[in-house]
Amino acid sequence: MTEITTKLLCYHCGQDCPDDAIIFDDKTFCCIGCKTVYEILKQNQLCNYYSIQKNPGISPSDIYEKRFDYLNEEEVINHLVEFRNEKFFLVTFYIPQMHCSSCIWLLENLFKLNPAIVYSKVNFVRKELTVKFHHNKISLKDVVILLASIGYEPQISLDNQDRKKQYEINKNLYYKIGVAGFCFGNIMLFSFPEYLSIDLRDKLLKDFFSYLNFFLALPVFFYSSTGYFTSAIKGIEKK
């Protein structure tokens, strides 16, 4: 007789639960971190997060507040803050854990977790989160701790070289758009005779323009559209 075992999956992150899984609110969690995130969301009436996608969460690592003490230093604050006045700070964080629509929804609803946050805006392509907050009511350190507590700890770099490299990487998107625009414009130009129903009696010339359009389409397909293929593959992997 074959014994059938049923795996318990974490309600928050979807990972396999150990034998000593945590049961709370008739839901199973793989660790204290996932249970804590669920409690935070429930207290702030943000459990719609789980209706967007099944097991959308990320299991947060243990948070040690002392790790973020350097964020209270004025020199560090000046380095990270993009805009400041008497009331507000504007900071952009790099969030590598961002991977789906549920992440976007939760990160753009940070103001519900803490009213001192005015707004938060996600740039999914660059995996960046821009946060505007009342610095007299919540510190930069506390904003980072809040993000870490829900499983989205920012990757913070104080090295100008690292920030410069990240900027250079992000410029690739503009190069792809430029290549696509150049090829698109020339393909349209070479296709005018057919659009205008001009009779090209010279078959050699007609074939030449057709092959030229074909070769101009290749950089668009193999270079400019690689981001779509990468996203599609990641989507298939995550089912």
Protein backbone atom coordinates (compact mmCIF):
# COMPACT_ATOMS: atom_id res chain seq x y z
CA MET A 1 0.00 0.00 0.00
CA THR A 2 1.44 3.35 -1.05
CA GLU A 3 1.55 6.12 1.54
CA ILE A 4 0.47 9.50 0.17
CA THR A 5 2.06 12.52 1.82
CA THR A 6 0.61 16.00 1.48
CA LYS A 7 3.01 18.92 1.55
CA LEU A 8 1.99 21.97 3.54
CA LEU A 9 2.73 25.25 1.78
CA CYS A 10 3.27 28.56 3.52
CA TYR A 11 0.22 30.81 3.13
CA HIS A 12 2.48 33.85 2.64
CA CYS A 13 5.42 32.78 0.47
CA GLY A 14 4.33 29.36 -0.86
CA GLN A 15 7.46 27.53 0.32
CA ASP A 16 7.29 24.04 1.85
CA CYS A 17 6.57 24.15 5.58
CA PRO A 18 8.62 22.11 8.06
CA ASP A 19 7.04 19.56 10.39
CA ASP A 20 6.84 22.19 13.13
CA ALA A 21 4.99 24.67 10.91
CA ILE A 22 3.33 27.68 12.55
CA ILE A 23 -0.48 27.69 12.53
CA PHE A 24 -2.19 31.07 12.89
CA ASP A 25 -5.70 32.15 11.86
CA ASP A 26 -6.22 28.62 10.44
CA LYS A 27 -3.34 29.34 8.04
CA THR A 28 0.06 27.65 7.83
CA PHE A 29 3.33 29.59 7.84
CA CYS A 30 6.85 28.33 7.33
CA CYS A 31 8.50 30.76 9.76
CA ILE A 32 7.90 33.57 12.24
CA GLY A 33 8.85 36.12 9.55
CA CYS A 34 6.03 35.12 7.19
CA LYS A 35 3.54 35.05 10.09
CA THR A 36 4.66 38.53 11.16
CA VAL A 37 4.18 39.95 7.65
CA TYR A 38 0.70 38.40 7.53
CA GLU A 39 -0.15 40.00 10.88
CA ILE A 40 1.09 43.41 9.69
CA LEU A 41 -1.04 43.20 6.55
CA LYS A 42 -4.08 42.00 8.47
CA GLN A 43 -3.80 44.77 11.07
CA ASN A 44 -3.73 47.34 8.27
CA GLN A 45 -6.54 45.68 6.27
CA LEU A 46 -4.21 44.85 3.37
CA CYS A 47 -5.01 41.15 3.03
CA ASN A 48 -6.25 41.82 -0.53
CA TYR A 49 -2.56 41.32 -1.25
CA TYR A 50 -3.22 37.56 -1.19
CA SER A 51 -6.15 37.76 -3.61
CA ILE A 52 -4.01 39.18 -6.43
CA GLN A 53 -1.84 36.09 -6.66
CA LYS A 54 -1.59 32.84 -4.69
CA ASN A 55 1.29 32.80 -2.16
CA PRO A 56 2.75 36.07 -3.50
CA GLY A 57 4.89 36.96 -0.51
CA ILE A 58 8.61 36.81 0.12
CA SER A 59 9.92 35.24 3.29
CA PRO A 60 11.66 38.03 5.25
CA SER A 61 14.96 37.39 6.94
CA ASP A 62 15.37 38.23 10.63
CA ILE A 63 15.55 41.98 11.10
CA TYR A 64 18.15 43.39 13.45
CA GLU A 65 17.49 47.11 13.82
CA LYS A 66 21.11 47.83 14.77
CA ARG A 67 22.12 46.82 11.23
CA PHE A 68 20.44 49.99 10.01
CA ASP A 69 21.87 52.42 12.58
CA TYR A 70 24.14 53.92 9.91
CA LEU A 71 21.02 55.33 8.24
CA ASN A 72 20.73 57.85 11.09
CA GLU A 73 24.03 59.48 10.15
CA GLU A 74 23.59 62.85 8.44
CA GLU A 75 26.28 62.10 5.84
CA VAL A 76 24.50 58.91 4.78
CA ILE A 77 21.12 60.66 4.69
CA ASN A 78 22.54 63.42 2.46
CA HIS A 79 23.96 60.77 0.14
CA LEU A 80 20.69 58.82 -0.25
CA VAL A 81 18.02 61.53 -0.16
CA GLU A 82 17.25 62.93 -3.63
CA PHE A 83 15.06 65.81 -2.46
CA ARG A 84 14.44 67.37 0.94
CA ASN A 85 12.68 70.34 2.49
CA GLU A 86 11.41 71.22 5.94
CA LYS A 87 8.76 68.48 5.85
CA PHE A 88 9.58 65.80 3.31
CA PHE A 89 12.34 63.46 2.12
CA LEU A 90 12.27 61.80 -1.28
CA VAL A 91 14.33 58.60 -1.59
CA THR A 92 14.64 55.96 -4.31
CA PHE A 93 15.48 52.41 -3.19
CA TYR A 94 16.61 49.46 -5.29
CA ILE A 95 14.37 46.45 -4.42
CA PRO A 96 15.77 43.27 -6.07
CA GLN A 97 13.03 41.08 -4.51
CA MET A 98 10.33 42.77 -6.61
CA HIS A 99 8.93 40.13 -8.98
CA CYS A 100 5.17 40.37 -9.60
CA SER A 101 2.03 42.52 -9.53
CA SER A 102 1.47 41.64 -5.87
CA CYS A 103 4.82 43.20 -4.99
CA ILE A 104 3.86 46.38 -6.84
CA TRP A 105 0.49 46.54 -5.09
CA LEU A 106 1.97 46.12 -1.62
CA LEU A 107 4.88 48.53 -2.15
CA GLU A 108 2.57 51.22 -3.51
CA ASN A 109 0.34 50.91 -0.44
CA LEU A 110 3.02 51.63 2.16
CA PHE A 111 1.08 54.71 3.27
CA LYS A 112 -1.51 52.34 4.74
CA LEU A 113 1.17 50.69 6.87
CA ASN A 114 2.48 54.03 8.12
CA PRO A 115 0.60 57.32 7.58
CA ALA A 116 3.89 59.26 7.72
CA ILE A 117 4.60 57.92 4.22
CA VAL A 118 2.99 60.30 1.71
CA TYR A 119 3.30 58.05 -1.33
CA SER A 120 5.41 55.28 -2.83
CA LYS A 121 5.84 54.66 -6.56
CA VAL A 122 7.30 51.56 -8.23
CA ASN A 123 9.44 51.45 -11.37
CA PHE A 124 9.11 47.72 -12.07
CA VAL A 125 11.53 47.63 -15.03
CA ARG A 126 14.34 49.12 -12.93
CA LYS A 127 13.12 47.43 -9.70
CA GLU A 128 13.12 50.79 -7.96
CA LEU A 129 10.81 52.21 -5.32
CA THR A 130 10.50 55.96 -4.81
CA VAL A 131 9.20 56.94 -1.37
CA LYS A 132 8.15 60.38 -0.12
CA PHE A 133 7.73 60.64 3.64
CA HIS A 134 7.50 63.11 6.56
CA HIS A 135 11.02 62.98 7.99
CA ASN A 136 9.79 64.59 11.23
CA LYS A 137 7.41 61.68 11.82
CA ILE A 138 9.40 58.73 10.47
CA SER A 139 13.15 58.43 9.92
CA LEU A 140 14.93 57.01 6.89
CA LYS A 141 16.04 54.11 9.06
CA ASP A 142 12.43 53.33 10.06
CA VAL A 143 11.32 53.37 6.41
CA VAL A 144 13.99 50.79 5.56
CA ILE A 145 13.04 48.66 8.60
CA LEU A 146 9.39 48.77 7.48
CA LEU A 147 10.37 47.54 4.01
CA ALA A 148 12.57 44.82 5.48
CA SER A 149 9.79 43.71 7.85
CA ILE A 150 7.49 42.90 4.92
CA GLY A 151 10.23 41.09 2.97
CA TYR A 152 11.49 43.88 0.68
CA GLU A 153 14.77 44.99 2.22
CA PRO A 154 16.37 47.59 -0.10
CA GLN A 155 19.82 47.03 -1.51
CA ILE A 156 21.61 50.17 -0.40
CA SER A 157 24.97 51.17 -1.85
CA LEU A 158 26.94 54.16 -0.65
CA ASP A 159 29.59 53.70 -3.34
CA ASN A 160 29.29 56.26 -6.13
CA GLN A 161 30.91 53.80 -8.54
CA ASP A 162 28.18 51.22 -7.88
CA ARG A 163 25.49 53.85 -8.43
CA LYS A 164 27.23 54.91 -11.66
CA LYS A 165 27.36 51.30 -12.90
CA GLN A 166 23.67 50.83 -12.11
CA TYR A 167 22.87 54.00 -14.08
CA GLU A 168 24.92 52.73 -17.03
CA ILE A 169 23.06 49.41 -16.96
CA ASN A 170 19.71 51.21 -16.95
CA LYS A 171 20.80 53.19 -20.05
CA ASN A 172 20.60 49.94 -22.06
CA LEU A 173 16.84 50.44 -22.28
CA TYR A 174 17.35 53.74 -24.10
CA TYR A 175 19.81 52.10 -26.50
CA LYS A 176 17.23 49.40 -27.29
CA ILE A 177 14.55 51.99 -27.93
CA GLY A 178 16.97 53.92 -30.17
CA VAL A 179 17.82 50.83 -32.23
CA ALA A 180 14.15 49.91 -32.56
CA GLY A 181 13.24 53.46 -33.62
CA PHE A 182 16.03 53.62 -36.22
CA CYS A 183 15.07 50.28 -37.75
CA PHE A 184 11.36 51.09 -37.67
CA GLY A 185 11.86 54.43 -39.45
CA ASN A 186 13.96 52.92 -42.23
CA ILE A 187 11.65 49.94 -42.72
CA MET A 188 8.76 52.36 -43.17
CA LEU A 189 10.82 54.39 -45.63
CA PHE A 190 11.81 51.38 -47.73
CA SER A 191 8.18 50.17 -47.73
CA PHE A 192 6.68 53.40 -49.16
CA PRO A 193 6.48 52.07 -52.75
CA GLU A 194 4.27 49.19 -51.60
CA TYR A 195 2.17 51.41 -49.32
CA LEU A 196 1.58 53.83 -52.21
CA SER A 197 0.94 51.00 -54.69
CA ILE A 198 3.82 52.14 -56.88
CA ASP A 199 4.57 49.58 -59.56
CA LEU A 200 8.16 48.40 -59.19
CA ARG A 201 8.86 46.72 -62.50
CA ASP A 202 12.46 46.08 -61.55
CA LYS A 203 12.14 42.80 -59.59
CA LEU A 204 15.76 43.07 -58.45
CA LEU A 205 15.08 46.43 -56.79
CA LYS A 206 11.91 45.14 -55.16
CA ASP A 207 13.67 42.07 -53.77
CA PHE A 208 16.53 44.26 -52.55
CA PHE A 209 14.17 46.41 -50.43
CA SER A 210 12.42 43.30 -49.08
CA TYR A 211 15.69 41.73 -47.95
CA LEU A 212 16.82 45.07 -46.51
CA ASN A 213 13.65 45.27 -44.41
CA PHE A 214 14.20 41.72 -43.23
CA PHE A 215 17.76 42.40 -42.04
CA LEU A 216 16.65 45.66 -40.35
CA ALA A 217 14.04 43.66 -38.40
CA LEU A 218 16.65 41.29 -36.95
CA PRO A 219 18.24 43.79 -34.46
CA VAL A 220 14.75 44.67 -33.20
CA PHE A 221 13.90 41.02 -32.64
CA PHE A 222 17.21 39.84 -31.16
CA TYR A 223 18.28 42.99 -29.26
CA SER A 224 15.49 45.48 -28.60
CA SER A 225 12.91 42.88 -27.54
CA THR A 226 15.14 40.78 -25.26
CA GLY A 227 13.46 42.26 -22.18
CA TYR A 228 10.10 40.80 -23.24
CA PHE A 229 11.61 37.35 -23.77
CA THR A 230 13.35 37.48 -20.38
CA SER A 231 10.12 38.51 -18.62
CA ALA A 232 8.19 35.76 -20.43
CA ILE A 233 10.70 33.10 -19.37
CA LYS A 234 10.62 34.29 -15.74
CA GLY A 235 6.81 34.27 -15.86
CA ILE A 236 6.79 30.67 -17.14
CA GLU A 237 9.27 29.63 -14.44
CA LYS A 238 7.01 31.13 -11.74
CA LYS A 239 3.93 29.61 -13.41
